[in-house]
């Protein structure tokens, strides 16, 4: 090492004496190993930036005297290029119901990009709802953000329930059929046989109601302006509406409004202060009249 030391002494502050060994990683910090001669024993300090690598920090420096100079073998880690962040791991999911999202781990020199309310770096419809941060040095952080949002559009999650409601009449009823599409309706069994009666009788009428609850993600707010009122669910299921034909009269009945498909309930969760919603809408098929 005598000759390089003489060169340094005669005009150069420092000189690289071995080619740099640079390791770049897709899912980790890049690493460099450099060997230098200098006139200063403390030329390179841990935590400082190595030559040519402003986004890396020295993690180890082995120094020994060589002739009239000092030889430094330095190791540094960080970002070799201009990238500010690297994703180390990702666990994002699209559930059958509820928010899409999950957790990721990033190495970054821009921790402000991972704060509550920040959009995901590559998925613009996911947002950070919380983040854990660990600082490696003055430049590099490991962050673990949790995201919620909408990854892809998907069908609504639907639940259908039917509640049995039997109501007794206060006056005698006559249960007679009409002809609908060439068939008797509504007081028939599955074989088309008449099951009503032609003479007045006090009656217990089954007024079971079909209830549909749809859960979905939306960028539209919940339709609170529709309550109370009519709302037909998408792809509404078939129902048997015994009041769609005129077998009944106003006497002995209470008339309902809204009737038909009606909005009965809304549950909505807003994501942060964004126009992104997890919504459940409950609709019910209400007969136009109820026995009393």
Protein backbone atom coordinates (compact mmCIF):
# COMPACT_ATOMS: atom_id res chain seq x y z
CA UNK A 1 0.00 0.00 0.00
CA UNK A 2 3.02 2.30 0.06
CA UNK A 3 2.63 3.63 -3.44
CA UNK A 4 -1.04 4.67 -3.02
CA UNK A 5 -0.21 6.25 0.31
CA UNK A 6 2.46 8.36 -1.36
CA UNK A 7 -0.09 9.47 -3.93
CA UNK A 8 -2.44 10.56 -1.19
CA UNK A 9 0.27 12.36 0.70
CA UNK A 10 1.31 14.20 -2.44
CA UNK A 11 -2.03 15.82 -3.20
CA UNK A 12 -5.07 13.52 -2.87
CA UNK A 13 -7.27 13.59 0.24
CA UNK A 14 -8.53 10.06 -0.41
CA UNK A 15 -8.50 7.40 -3.10
CA UNK A 16 -10.58 4.31 -3.79
CA UNK A 17 -8.27 1.32 -4.05
CA UNK A 18 -10.72 -1.50 -4.84
CA UNK A 19 -13.76 -1.62 -7.14
CA UNK A 20 -17.01 -1.11 -5.30
CA UNK A 21 -19.02 -4.24 -4.58
CA UNK A 22 -22.68 -3.32 -4.81
CA UNK A 23 -25.56 -5.67 -3.99
CA UNK A 24 -29.06 -4.52 -4.91
CA UNK A 25 -32.09 -6.29 -3.51
CA UNK A 26 -35.69 -6.38 -4.64
CA UNK A 27 -37.04 -6.93 -1.11
CA UNK A 28 -34.40 -5.54 1.18
CA UNK A 29 -31.87 -2.79 1.64
CA UNK A 30 -29.12 -2.53 -0.94
CA UNK A 31 -25.56 -2.95 0.31
CA UNK A 32 -22.20 -1.59 -0.78
CA UNK A 33 -18.64 -2.42 0.20
CA UNK A 34 -15.96 0.15 -0.61
CA UNK A 35 -12.25 0.33 0.21
CA UNK A 36 -10.52 3.70 0.47
CA UNK A 37 -7.22 5.23 1.47
CA UNK A 38 -7.20 8.57 3.23
CA UNK A 39 -5.04 10.76 5.37
CA UNK A 40 -7.68 10.89 8.14
CA UNK A 41 -8.21 7.97 10.50
CA UNK A 42 -11.79 9.16 11.03
CA UNK A 43 -12.58 9.83 7.39
CA UNK A 44 -15.72 7.63 7.45
CA UNK A 45 -18.08 7.57 10.40
CA UNK A 46 -20.85 5.10 11.05
CA UNK A 47 -24.17 6.65 10.05
CA UNK A 48 -22.62 8.82 7.36
CA UNK A 49 -23.17 8.51 3.63
CA UNK A 50 -20.55 6.58 1.63
CA UNK A 51 -19.09 8.19 -1.50
CA UNK A 52 -21.48 8.24 -4.50
CA UNK A 53 -24.33 6.77 -2.42
CA UNK A 54 -26.25 9.62 -0.79
CA UNK A 55 -29.23 7.38 0.06
CA UNK A 56 -27.16 4.81 1.96
CA UNK A 57 -25.67 4.91 5.45
CA UNK A 58 -22.43 3.40 6.70
CA UNK A 59 -23.09 0.53 9.10
CA UNK A 60 -19.52 -0.68 9.57
CA UNK A 61 -16.05 0.75 8.99
CA UNK A 62 -12.86 -1.28 9.42
CA UNK A 63 -9.84 1.05 9.55
CA UNK A 64 -6.15 0.17 9.63
CA UNK A 65 -2.97 2.10 9.06
CA UNK A 66 -1.25 1.51 5.74
CA UNK A 67 2.10 3.21 5.35
CA UNK A 68 1.60 6.89 5.87
CA UNK A 69 -2.18 6.68 5.32
CA UNK A 70 -5.28 4.90 6.53
CA UNK A 71 -7.11 2.12 4.76
CA UNK A 72 -10.90 2.04 5.31
CA UNK A 73 -13.14 -0.89 4.42
CA UNK A 74 -16.67 0.42 4.73
CA UNK A 75 -20.02 -1.29 4.48
CA UNK A 76 -23.20 0.64 3.99
CA UNK A 77 -26.88 -0.17 3.42
CA UNK A 78 -29.85 1.73 2.12
CA UNK A 79 -31.11 2.69 -1.32
CA UNK A 80 -28.50 2.49 -4.08
CA UNK A 81 -30.60 4.39 -6.62
CA UNK A 82 -33.27 7.05 -6.61
CA UNK A 83 -36.12 4.84 -5.34
CA UNK A 84 -37.53 6.02 -2.06
CA UNK A 85 -39.43 2.87 -1.01
CA UNK A 86 -39.35 -0.91 -1.39
CA UNK A 87 -42.16 -3.27 -0.57
CA UNK A 88 -40.91 -6.19 1.51
CA UNK A 89 -44.15 -8.10 1.97
CA UNK A 90 -47.83 -7.74 1.15
CA UNK A 91 -50.95 -9.48 2.36
CA UNK A 92 -53.97 -7.90 0.68
CA UNK A 93 -57.26 -9.69 0.33
CA UNK A 94 -60.68 -9.31 -1.27
CA UNK A 95 -63.27 -10.64 1.13
CA UNK A 96 -66.68 -11.98 0.27
CA UNK A 97 -68.11 -9.24 2.46
CA UNK A 98 -66.65 -6.10 3.98
CA UNK A 99 -63.60 -4.02 3.20
CA UNK A 100 -60.81 -5.10 0.92
CA UNK A 101 -57.32 -4.51 2.22
CA UNK A 102 -54.67 -5.90 4.51
CA UNK A 103 -51.18 -5.25 5.76
CA UNK A 104 -47.85 -4.59 4.07
CA UNK A 105 -44.25 -3.97 5.10
CA UNK A 106 -42.12 -1.34 3.38
CA UNK A 107 -38.59 -0.03 3.64
CA UNK A 108 -38.64 3.67 2.92
CA UNK A 109 -36.83 6.94 3.21
CA UNK A 110 -40.17 8.74 2.85
CA UNK A 111 -42.16 7.77 5.98
CA UNK A 112 -44.59 10.63 5.35
CA UNK A 113 -45.95 8.60 2.42
CA UNK A 114 -47.34 6.10 4.94
CA UNK A 115 -49.66 8.05 7.20
CA UNK A 116 -53.32 7.67 8.05
CA UNK A 117 -55.37 8.72 5.04
CA UNK A 118 -52.55 8.32 2.49
CA UNK A 119 -53.37 6.38 -0.66
CA UNK A 120 -51.59 3.10 -1.30
CA UNK A 121 -48.48 3.59 -3.47
CA UNK A 122 -49.76 1.31 -6.25
CA UNK A 123 -53.47 0.67 -5.46
CA UNK A 124 -55.19 4.04 -5.68
CA UNK A 125 -58.45 2.77 -4.15
CA UNK A 126 -56.85 1.59 -0.91
CA UNK A 127 -56.03 3.98 1.93
CA UNK A 128 -53.86 3.70 5.01
CA UNK A 129 -55.87 3.49 8.23
CA UNK A 130 -52.92 2.99 10.58
CA UNK A 131 -49.17 2.43 10.38
CA UNK A 132 -46.38 1.20 12.64
CA UNK A 133 -42.94 2.72 12.02
CA UNK A 134 -39.44 1.65 13.06
CA UNK A 135 -36.50 3.94 12.32
CA UNK A 136 -33.26 2.28 11.20
CA UNK A 137 -31.15 5.42 10.89
CA UNK A 138 -31.59 9.09 10.03
CA UNK A 139 -32.68 8.11 6.51
CA UNK A 140 -34.32 4.69 6.52
CA UNK A 141 -37.54 3.44 8.12
CA UNK A 142 -39.44 0.19 8.16
CA UNK A 143 -43.17 0.88 8.08
CA UNK A 144 -46.08 -1.53 8.41
CA UNK A 145 -49.24 0.14 7.11
CA UNK A 146 -52.73 -1.36 7.20
CA UNK A 147 -54.99 -0.56 4.26
CA UNK A 148 -58.73 -0.55 3.62
CA UNK A 149 -60.70 0.23 0.52
CA UNK A 150 -61.89 -1.35 -2.70
CA UNK A 151 -59.52 -3.51 -4.73
CA UNK A 152 -61.97 -4.54 -7.44
CA UNK A 153 -65.68 -4.23 -8.04
CA UNK A 154 -67.62 -7.31 -7.03
CA UNK A 155 -71.15 -8.57 -6.62
CA UNK A 156 -73.22 -7.65 -3.60
CA UNK A 157 -73.41 -10.02 -0.68
CA UNK A 158 -77.10 -10.88 -0.33
CA UNK A 159 -79.09 -12.37 2.51
CA UNK A 160 -82.77 -13.22 2.13
CA UNK A 161 -84.99 -13.94 5.10
CA UNK A 162 -88.70 -14.59 5.32
CA UNK A 163 -90.49 -13.85 8.58
CA UNK A 164 -93.72 -15.71 9.22
CA UNK A 165 -96.51 -13.29 10.14
CA UNK A 166 -100.01 -14.63 10.65
CA UNK A 167 -102.73 -12.04 11.30
CA UNK A 168 -106.28 -12.88 12.41
CA UNK A 169 -109.15 -10.98 10.86
CA UNK A 170 -111.68 -8.94 12.80
CA UNK A 171 -114.34 -9.48 10.13
CA UNK A 172 -115.21 -12.51 7.97
CA UNK A 173 -113.30 -12.86 4.68
CA UNK A 174 -114.16 -14.56 1.42
CA UNK A 175 -111.00 -15.93 -0.26
CA UNK A 176 -111.70 -16.06 -4.00
CA UNK A 177 -109.37 -16.39 -6.95
CA UNK A 178 -108.77 -14.26 -10.01
CA UNK A 179 -107.29 -15.43 -13.30
CA UNK A 180 -103.73 -14.24 -13.85
CA UNK A 181 -101.89 -15.28 -17.02
CA UNK A 182 -104.55 -17.91 -17.59
CA UNK A 183 -104.17 -19.46 -14.14
CA UNK A 184 -106.21 -19.10 -10.93
CA UNK A 185 -104.50 -16.88 -8.32
CA UNK A 186 -103.75 -16.44 -5.42
CA UNK A 187 -105.49 -19.06 -3.25
CA UNK A 188 -104.16 -22.26 -4.81
CA UNK A 189 -101.62 -24.89 -3.87
CA UNK A 190 -98.62 -25.98 -5.94
CA UNK A 191 -100.92 -28.16 -8.07
CA UNK A 192 -103.26 -25.28 -8.93
CA UNK A 193 -106.03 -26.55 -6.67
CA UNK A 194 -108.27 -23.99 -4.99
CA UNK A 195 -107.55 -23.67 -1.26
CA UNK A 196 -109.66 -20.64 -0.34
CA UNK A 197 -113.35 -20.45 0.50
CA UNK A 198 -116.37 -18.82 -1.04
CA UNK A 199 -118.35 -18.12 2.13
CA UNK A 200 -117.42 -15.45 4.71
CA UNK A 201 -115.22 -16.77 7.51
CA UNK A 202 -113.11 -15.27 10.23
CA UNK A 203 -109.61 -15.95 8.91
CA UNK A 204 -105.98 -16.14 9.96
CA UNK A 205 -103.98 -14.91 6.98
CA UNK A 206 -100.27 -15.60 6.48
CA UNK A 207 -98.70 -12.27 5.54
CA UNK A 208 -95.08 -13.47 5.53
CA UNK A 209 -92.69 -10.87 4.18
CA UNK A 210 -89.54 -11.29 2.10
CA UNK A 211 -86.62 -9.28 3.49
CA UNK A 212 -83.45 -8.65 1.44
CA UNK A 213 -80.21 -7.33 2.92
CA UNK A 214 -77.49 -6.37 0.43
CA UNK A 215 -73.97 -5.53 1.62
CA UNK A 216 -71.54 -3.84 -0.77
CA UNK A 217 -68.71 -1.35 -1.16
CA UNK A 218 -69.50 1.92 -2.86
CA UNK A 219 -68.14 5.34 -3.70
CA UNK A 220 -71.68 6.71 -3.41
CA UNK A 221 -73.13 7.67 -0.02
CA UNK A 222 -75.98 5.60 1.43
CA UNK A 223 -79.47 6.55 0.16
CA UNK A 224 -80.71 8.03 3.43
CA UNK A 225 -82.94 10.39 1.46
CA UNK A 226 -85.08 7.38 0.45
CA UNK A 227 -86.32 6.72 3.98
CA UNK A 228 -89.22 6.23 4.33
CA UNK A 229 -90.11 5.18 0.85
CA UNK A 230 -90.00 2.67 -1.96
CA UNK A 231 -86.75 1.00 -3.02
CA UNK A 232 -86.55 -2.11 -5.19
CA UNK A 233 -83.35 -4.12 -4.67
CA UNK A 234 -81.20 -5.01 -7.66
CA UNK A 235 -82.30 -8.33 -9.15
CA UNK A 236 -85.19 -8.48 -6.72
CA UNK A 237 -86.30 -12.03 -5.82
CA UNK A 238 -89.72 -13.26 -6.84
CA UNK A 239 -92.51 -12.85 -4.30
CA UNK A 240 -96.12 -13.98 -4.14
CA UNK A 241 -98.27 -10.90 -3.67
CA UNK A 242 -101.76 -12.06 -2.73
CA UNK A 243 -102.94 -8.46 -2.72
CA UNK A 244 -102.13 -7.90 -6.38
CA UNK A 245 -105.65 -8.98 -7.32
CA UNK A 246 -108.93 -7.51 -5.99
CA UNK A 247 -110.25 -10.23 -3.65
CA UNK A 248 -110.32 -7.88 -0.66
CA UNK A 249 -112.14 -4.68 0.28
CA UNK A 250 -111.28 -1.78 2.59
CA UNK A 251 -113.39 -3.25 5.37
CA UNK A 252 -111.30 -5.30 7.78
CA UNK A 253 -107.91 -4.24 6.37
CA UNK A 254 -105.23 -1.71 7.23
CA UNK A 255 -103.53 -0.27 4.16
CA UNK A 256 -99.77 0.16 4.17
CA UNK A 257 -97.49 2.86 2.84
CA UNK A 258 -94.96 2.37 1.48
CA UNK A 259 -96.08 -0.90 -0.02
CA UNK A 260 -94.28 -3.21 -2.44
CA UNK A 261 -90.50 -3.13 -2.16
CA UNK A 262 -89.69 -0.65 0.60
CA UNK A 263 -86.48 0.57 2.19
CA UNK A 264 -86.41 -0.55 5.82
CA UNK A 265 -82.88 -0.02 7.07
CA UNK A 266 -79.39 1.27 6.28
CA UNK A 267 -76.08 0.54 7.97
CA UNK A 268 -73.10 2.45 6.58
CA UNK A 269 -69.45 2.75 7.55
CA UNK A 270 -67.41 5.53 5.99
CA UNK A 271 -63.69 5.06 5.38
CA UNK A 272 -61.86 7.92 7.08
CA UNK A 273 -63.24 11.17 5.60
CA UNK A 274 -63.33 9.76 2.07
CA UNK A 275 -66.31 9.14 -0.17
CA UNK A 276 -65.84 5.39 0.22
CA UNK A 277 -68.50 3.40 2.03
CA UNK A 278 -69.30 -0.08 3.30
CA UNK A 279 -73.09 -0.19 3.11
CA UNK A 280 -75.83 -2.63 4.08
CA UNK A 281 -79.31 -1.90 2.76
CA UNK A 282 -82.39 -3.78 3.96
CA UNK A 283 -85.53 -3.83 1.83
CA UNK A 284 -88.79 -5.61 2.48
CA UNK A 285 -91.73 -6.53 0.29
CA UNK A 286 -94.71 -4.99 2.08
CA UNK A 287 -98.25 -6.01 1.07
CA UNK A 288 -100.55 -3.19 0.18
CA UNK A 289 -102.90 -4.22 2.97
CA UNK A 290 -102.80 -6.14 6.26
CA UNK A 291 -105.74 -7.93 7.87
CA UNK A 292 -107.08 -6.46 11.07
